[in-house]
């Protein structure tokens, strides 16, 4: 079984802040070919969620207690952020709020609209496919953990999942990195039970090599068939480096954003501004607004959660 030190937990906390800021940046500069680093950021989210969930529930998963913990941690916060976004789009005067899609978004099931190509008449639901996938992972978690406890079964399932992700990414494009992100959840559980060998330097070198290979194949001969496999390899190597390195990622102001990752993820596409401004100015203004609103929302929701705890 894997073990996680406070240093590794800290590294992943900072890495997740960097990842969500990268995702927001990729969405702002849509069309600037940032989808590969954005996918690696999403992989980091999914992998770390699976790893830490597995280590926390390593012996036996109590399904009721597991879901109670997740709902307590995410449920109220998610709903309150959705209420904020509802009020925001009302103020913006956008149409389509009073549709069945809006109700679906409030349950965190927006991903099904994306995956089945259903028209989203509601202004809500932007980017929520990852949250839907996260809930599906939590639903499947007890079964996945049980399968992963046997080394042979775990290795076969993980290998089949990686191959399937590569094939599905090339065959069934849903407009975002669904298959690679889903694979990260399985890989995270596998690595929790069966830690991968290799030093931090080895995994860092492998991540760099995979990134350079992608750059060469895409820019040179224009070969893109290997992208899904190379992205998985690069992302896996990156999270392995985070897990095994003895270096401490510099925090600075990033540390203050570690409690706000969910807020930034849910609100960022709604606060892009300055469409007629110079792009650098619009980007910096948008990111400042996103971070400021996320901090305020996190503070208010945390105060409410603490009040409810004291009242119970």
Protein backbone atom coordinates (compact mmCIF):
# COMPACT_ATOMS: atom_id res chain seq x y z
CA UNK A 1 0.00 0.00 0.00
CA UNK A 2 1.21 3.51 -0.80
CA UNK A 3 1.98 6.06 1.90
CA UNK A 4 1.67 9.81 1.56
CA UNK A 5 3.82 12.20 3.59
CA UNK A 6 2.78 15.75 4.57
CA UNK A 7 5.27 17.02 1.97
CA UNK A 8 3.55 15.06 -0.81
CA UNK A 9 0.11 16.24 0.36
CA UNK A 10 1.38 19.80 0.26
CA UNK A 11 2.85 19.34 -3.22
CA UNK A 12 -0.46 18.02 -4.56
CA UNK A 13 -2.42 20.82 -2.88
CA UNK A 14 -0.28 23.41 -4.67
CA UNK A 15 -0.29 21.37 -7.89
CA UNK A 16 -4.10 21.31 -7.90
CA UNK A 17 -4.21 25.10 -7.58
CA UNK A 18 -1.78 25.41 -10.49
CA UNK A 19 -3.85 22.87 -12.44
CA UNK A 20 -7.16 24.71 -11.99
CA UNK A 21 -5.53 28.02 -12.96
CA UNK A 22 -4.15 26.26 -16.03
CA UNK A 23 -7.62 24.92 -16.87
CA UNK A 24 -9.09 28.42 -16.54
CA UNK A 25 -6.29 29.80 -18.73
CA UNK A 26 -6.90 27.14 -21.36
CA UNK A 27 -10.61 27.95 -21.44
CA UNK A 28 -9.92 31.69 -21.71
CA UNK A 29 -7.50 31.24 -24.61
CA UNK A 30 -9.79 28.76 -26.34
CA UNK A 31 -8.27 27.80 -29.67
CA UNK A 32 -4.68 28.52 -28.62
CA UNK A 33 -3.82 24.80 -28.51
CA UNK A 34 -3.55 24.62 -24.73
CA UNK A 35 -5.70 21.50 -24.52
CA UNK A 36 -2.73 19.19 -23.84
CA UNK A 37 -1.52 20.96 -20.64
CA UNK A 38 -5.18 21.45 -19.63
CA UNK A 39 -5.73 17.69 -19.97
CA UNK A 40 -2.67 17.04 -17.81
CA UNK A 41 -4.14 19.40 -15.22
CA UNK A 42 -7.45 17.48 -15.24
CA UNK A 43 -5.51 14.21 -14.97
CA UNK A 44 -3.77 15.57 -11.87
CA UNK A 45 -7.13 16.38 -10.27
CA UNK A 46 -8.62 12.96 -11.00
CA UNK A 47 -5.50 10.97 -10.07
CA UNK A 48 -4.98 12.74 -6.75
CA UNK A 49 -8.68 12.40 -5.86
CA UNK A 50 -8.51 8.66 -6.49
CA UNK A 51 -5.20 8.25 -4.67
CA UNK A 52 -6.20 10.08 -1.50
CA UNK A 53 -9.70 8.55 -1.43
CA UNK A 54 -8.18 5.08 -1.66
CA UNK A 55 -5.62 5.71 1.06
CA UNK A 56 -8.28 7.14 3.35
CA UNK A 57 -10.58 4.13 2.84
CA UNK A 58 -7.90 1.48 2.39
CA UNK A 59 -9.24 -1.25 4.64
CA UNK A 60 -12.95 -1.43 3.88
CA UNK A 61 -15.24 1.05 2.18
CA UNK A 62 -18.37 1.81 4.14
CA UNK A 63 -20.54 3.02 1.27
CA UNK A 64 -22.97 4.98 3.45
CA UNK A 65 -20.20 6.67 5.43
CA UNK A 66 -18.24 7.30 2.24
CA UNK A 67 -21.14 9.07 0.52
CA UNK A 68 -22.12 10.94 3.69
CA UNK A 69 -18.58 12.33 3.86
CA UNK A 70 -18.60 13.36 0.18
CA UNK A 71 -22.02 15.00 0.40
CA UNK A 72 -21.00 16.83 3.56
CA UNK A 73 -17.82 18.10 1.89
CA UNK A 74 -19.22 18.92 -1.55
CA UNK A 75 -23.03 18.96 -1.47
CA UNK A 76 -23.89 22.25 0.22
CA UNK A 77 -20.89 24.04 -1.28
CA UNK A 78 -21.78 22.92 -4.81
CA UNK A 79 -25.43 23.96 -4.45
CA UNK A 80 -24.58 27.38 -3.03
CA UNK A 81 -22.12 28.07 -5.84
CA UNK A 82 -24.80 27.09 -8.35
CA UNK A 83 -27.22 29.50 -6.65
CA UNK A 84 -24.60 32.24 -7.03
CA UNK A 85 -24.17 31.41 -10.73
CA UNK A 86 -27.96 31.37 -11.17
CA UNK A 87 -28.17 34.88 -9.71
CA UNK A 88 -25.23 35.99 -11.85
CA UNK A 89 -26.78 34.90 -15.14
CA UNK A 90 -30.09 36.48 -14.08
CA UNK A 91 -28.26 39.78 -13.63
CA UNK A 92 -26.62 39.27 -17.01
CA UNK A 93 -30.08 38.88 -18.57
CA UNK A 94 -29.31 35.56 -20.22
CA UNK A 95 -32.06 33.33 -21.57
CA UNK A 96 -32.83 29.66 -20.98
CA UNK A 97 -32.63 29.54 -17.19
CA UNK A 98 -36.06 28.02 -16.67
CA UNK A 99 -35.45 24.79 -18.54
CA UNK A 100 -35.02 21.17 -17.54
CA UNK A 101 -31.30 21.46 -18.28
CA UNK A 102 -30.94 23.96 -15.43
CA UNK A 103 -32.44 21.45 -13.00
CA UNK A 104 -29.98 18.84 -14.24
CA UNK A 105 -27.07 21.23 -13.71
CA UNK A 106 -28.12 21.79 -10.11
CA UNK A 107 -27.71 18.04 -9.50
CA UNK A 108 -24.22 18.00 -10.99
CA UNK A 109 -25.27 15.75 -13.90
CA UNK A 110 -24.38 18.13 -16.73
CA UNK A 111 -21.93 15.68 -18.23
CA UNK A 112 -24.70 13.55 -19.70
CA UNK A 113 -25.78 16.50 -21.85
CA UNK A 114 -22.26 16.78 -23.25
CA UNK A 115 -21.68 13.06 -23.72
CA UNK A 116 -24.95 12.42 -25.57
CA UNK A 117 -24.73 15.58 -27.67
CA UNK A 118 -27.90 17.10 -26.22
CA UNK A 119 -28.44 20.81 -26.77
CA UNK A 120 -27.96 22.78 -23.55
CA UNK A 121 -30.59 25.52 -23.57
CA UNK A 122 -29.50 26.71 -20.13
CA UNK A 123 -26.67 29.21 -19.56
CA UNK A 124 -25.52 27.04 -16.65
CA UNK A 125 -23.49 23.83 -16.79
CA UNK A 126 -20.27 25.11 -18.33
CA UNK A 127 -17.46 22.65 -17.66
CA UNK A 128 -19.53 20.57 -15.25
CA UNK A 129 -18.78 17.31 -17.07
CA UNK A 130 -15.80 16.78 -14.74
CA UNK A 131 -18.05 17.07 -11.68
CA UNK A 132 -20.41 14.49 -13.18
CA UNK A 133 -17.45 12.19 -13.82
CA UNK A 134 -16.27 12.72 -10.25
CA UNK A 135 -19.68 11.67 -8.89
CA UNK A 136 -19.62 8.59 -11.13
CA UNK A 137 -16.19 7.74 -9.76
CA UNK A 138 -17.48 8.03 -6.19
CA UNK A 139 -20.39 5.74 -7.15
CA UNK A 140 -18.03 3.11 -8.60
CA UNK A 141 -15.34 3.59 -5.96
CA UNK A 142 -16.22 0.63 -3.67
CA UNK A 143 -16.15 -1.79 -6.63
CA UNK A 144 -12.97 -0.31 -8.12
CA UNK A 145 -11.15 -0.57 -4.79
CA UNK A 146 -12.20 -4.19 -4.37
CA UNK A 147 -10.86 -5.07 -7.84
CA UNK A 148 -7.59 -3.25 -7.29
CA UNK A 149 -6.60 -5.16 -4.17
CA UNK A 150 -5.43 -8.14 -6.23
CA UNK A 151 -2.17 -7.24 -8.01
CA UNK A 152 -2.83 -9.28 -11.17
CA UNK A 153 -6.46 -8.19 -11.51
CA UNK A 154 -5.53 -4.59 -10.81
CA UNK A 155 -2.75 -4.61 -13.43
CA UNK A 156 -4.99 -6.15 -16.09
CA UNK A 157 -7.87 -3.73 -15.41
CA UNK A 158 -5.53 -0.75 -15.42
CA UNK A 159 -3.84 -1.81 -18.68
CA UNK A 160 -7.20 -2.44 -20.38
CA UNK A 161 -8.44 0.95 -19.15
CA UNK A 162 -5.42 2.78 -20.58
CA UNK A 163 -5.74 1.03 -23.95
CA UNK A 164 -9.48 1.72 -24.01
CA UNK A 165 -8.87 5.40 -23.20
CA UNK A 166 -6.44 5.68 -26.11
CA UNK A 167 -8.90 4.02 -28.50
CA UNK A 168 -11.97 5.93 -27.29
CA UNK A 169 -10.12 9.25 -27.43
CA UNK A 170 -9.45 8.63 -31.12
CA UNK A 171 -12.83 7.09 -31.95
CA UNK A 172 -15.45 8.89 -29.81
CA UNK A 173 -14.48 12.52 -29.43
CA UNK A 174 -16.86 14.26 -27.02
CA UNK A 175 -15.12 17.63 -27.17
CA UNK A 176 -13.10 17.29 -23.98
CA UNK A 177 -10.67 14.87 -22.30
CA UNK A 178 -13.33 12.53 -20.88
CA UNK A 179 -11.58 9.23 -21.51
CA UNK A 180 -8.12 10.27 -20.34
CA UNK A 181 -9.57 11.88 -17.20
CA UNK A 182 -11.62 8.76 -16.44
CA UNK A 183 -8.45 6.69 -16.82
CA UNK A 184 -6.73 8.88 -14.23
CA UNK A 185 -9.22 7.73 -11.57
CA UNK A 186 -8.40 4.07 -12.22
CA UNK A 187 -4.66 4.76 -12.32
CA UNK A 188 -4.89 6.67 -9.04
CA UNK A 189 -6.48 3.71 -7.25
CA UNK A 190 -3.97 1.31 -8.80
CA UNK A 191 -1.01 3.43 -7.70
CA UNK A 192 -2.44 3.71 -4.19
CA UNK A 193 -2.49 -0.08 -3.81
CA UNK A 194 0.53 -0.86 -5.97
CA UNK A 195 3.09 1.97 -5.90
CA UNK A 196 5.11 2.31 -9.08
CA UNK A 197 8.91 1.95 -8.88
CA UNK A 198 11.36 4.57 -10.07
CA UNK A 199 12.96 7.69 -8.64
CA UNK A 200 11.72 11.26 -8.89
CA UNK A 201 14.46 12.01 -11.43
CA UNK A 202 13.36 9.05 -13.59
CA UNK A 203 9.72 10.17 -13.66
CA UNK A 204 10.64 13.79 -14.31
CA UNK A 205 12.83 12.73 -17.24
CA UNK A 206 10.01 10.54 -18.56
CA UNK A 207 7.51 13.41 -18.34
CA UNK A 208 9.87 15.69 -20.26
CA UNK A 209 10.56 12.99 -22.86
CA UNK A 210 6.83 12.37 -23.41
CA UNK A 211 6.20 16.12 -23.75
CA UNK A 212 9.04 16.50 -26.26
CA UNK A 213 7.78 13.49 -28.23
CA UNK A 214 4.32 15.07 -28.45
CA UNK A 215 5.81 18.35 -29.58
CA UNK A 216 7.92 16.68 -32.26
CA UNK A 217 5.14 14.45 -33.61
CA UNK A 218 2.55 17.25 -33.72
CA UNK A 219 4.72 20.04 -35.07
CA UNK A 220 6.94 17.94 -37.34
CA UNK A 221 5.22 15.14 -39.25
CA UNK A 222 1.81 16.08 -37.86
CA UNK A 223 1.18 12.66 -36.29
CA UNK A 224 -1.56 12.96 -33.65
CA UNK A 225 -2.60 9.34 -33.19
CA UNK A 226 -0.12 8.92 -30.33
CA UNK A 227 -1.35 12.01 -28.43
CA UNK A 228 -3.70 10.22 -25.99
CA UNK A 229 -1.07 7.64 -25.03
CA UNK A 230 1.66 10.25 -24.69
CA UNK A 231 -0.60 12.54 -22.65
CA UNK A 232 -1.38 9.69 -20.24
CA UNK A 233 2.32 8.84 -20.00
CA UNK A 234 3.34 12.47 -19.46
CA UNK A 235 0.60 13.09 -16.89
CA UNK A 236 1.32 9.85 -15.01
CA UNK A 237 5.01 10.69 -14.93
CA UNK A 238 4.22 14.18 -13.65
CA UNK A 239 2.08 12.96 -10.74
CA UNK A 240 4.65 10.29 -9.92
CA UNK A 241 7.28 13.01 -9.75
CA UNK A 242 5.03 15.02 -7.42
CA UNK A 243 4.64 11.95 -5.24
CA UNK A 244 8.33 11.00 -5.11
CA UNK A 245 10.17 14.33 -5.18
CA UNK A 246 11.76 15.70 -2.03
CA UNK A 247 11.41 19.26 -3.31
CA UNK A 248 8.75 21.56 -1.92
CA UNK A 249 6.72 23.39 -4.54
CA UNK A 250 6.87 27.14 -3.92
CA UNK A 251 3.57 28.30 -2.49
CA UNK A 252 3.45 32.06 -2.13
CA UNK A 253 -0.08 33.38 -2.72
CA UNK A 254 -1.06 29.99 -4.19
CA UNK A 255 -1.41 28.53 -0.70
CA UNK A 256 -4.34 30.85 0.04
CA UNK A 257 -6.17 29.39 -2.97
CA UNK A 258 -5.99 25.74 -1.91
CA UNK A 259 -9.46 25.86 -0.24
CA UNK A 260 -10.95 27.59 -3.33
CA UNK A 261 -10.23 25.03 -6.04
CA UNK A 262 -13.88 23.96 -6.38
CA UNK A 263 -15.05 27.57 -6.50
CA UNK A 264 -12.54 28.50 -9.22
CA UNK A 265 -13.49 25.42 -11.24
CA UNK A 266 -17.23 26.11 -11.11
CA UNK A 267 -17.24 29.87 -11.70
CA UNK A 268 -14.31 30.63 -13.99
CA UNK A 269 -16.05 30.48 -17.39
CA UNK A 270 -18.77 32.87 -16.17
CA UNK A 271 -16.35 35.64 -15.25
CA UNK A 272 -14.37 36.00 -18.47
CA UNK A 273 -14.51 39.64 -19.49
CA UNK A 274 -13.05 42.25 -21.79
CA UNK A 275 -13.85 40.60 -25.11
CA UNK A 276 -12.94 43.86 -26.89
CA UNK A 277 -9.89 44.55 -24.75
CA UNK A 278 -6.29 43.55 -25.54
CA UNK A 279 -6.05 39.84 -24.73
CA UNK A 280 -3.38 40.12 -21.99
CA UNK A 281 -5.40 42.80 -20.17
CA UNK A 282 -8.64 40.83 -20.53
CA UNK A 283 -6.95 37.69 -19.24
CA UNK A 284 -5.38 39.34 -16.19
CA UNK A 285 -8.64 41.14 -15.34
CA UNK A 286 -10.66 37.94 -15.71
CA UNK A 287 -8.30 35.88 -13.56
CA UNK A 288 -8.26 38.58 -10.88
CA UNK A 289 -12.07 38.62 -10.83
CA UNK A 290 -12.27 34.81 -10.71
CA UNK A 291 -9.83 34.55 -7.82
CA UNK A 292 -11.45 37.40 -5.87
CA UNK A 293 -14.96 35.97 -6.24
CA UNK A 294 -13.73 32.46 -5.39
CA UNK A 295 -12.11 33.71 -2.18
CA UNK A 296 -15.27 35.58 -1.14
CA UNK A 297 -17.52 32.62 -1.93
CA UNK A 298 -15.26 30.24 -0.04
CA UNK A 299 -15.22 32.53 3.00
CA UNK A 300 -19.02 32.97 3.06
CA UNK A 301 -19.77 29.28 2.50
CA UNK A 302 -17.23 28.23 5.14
CA UNK A 303 -18.83 30.61 7.64
CA UNK A 304 -22.26 29.13 6.88
CA UNK A 305 -20.94 25.57 7.20
CA UNK A 306 -19.35 26.38 10.56
CA UNK A 307 -22.60 27.99 11.74
CA UNK A 308 -24.59 24.89 10.77
CA UNK A 309 -22.11 22.68 12.61
CA UNK A 310 -22.44 24.79 15.76
CA UNK A 311 -26.24 24.62 15.48
CA UNK A 312 -26.33 20.83 15.08
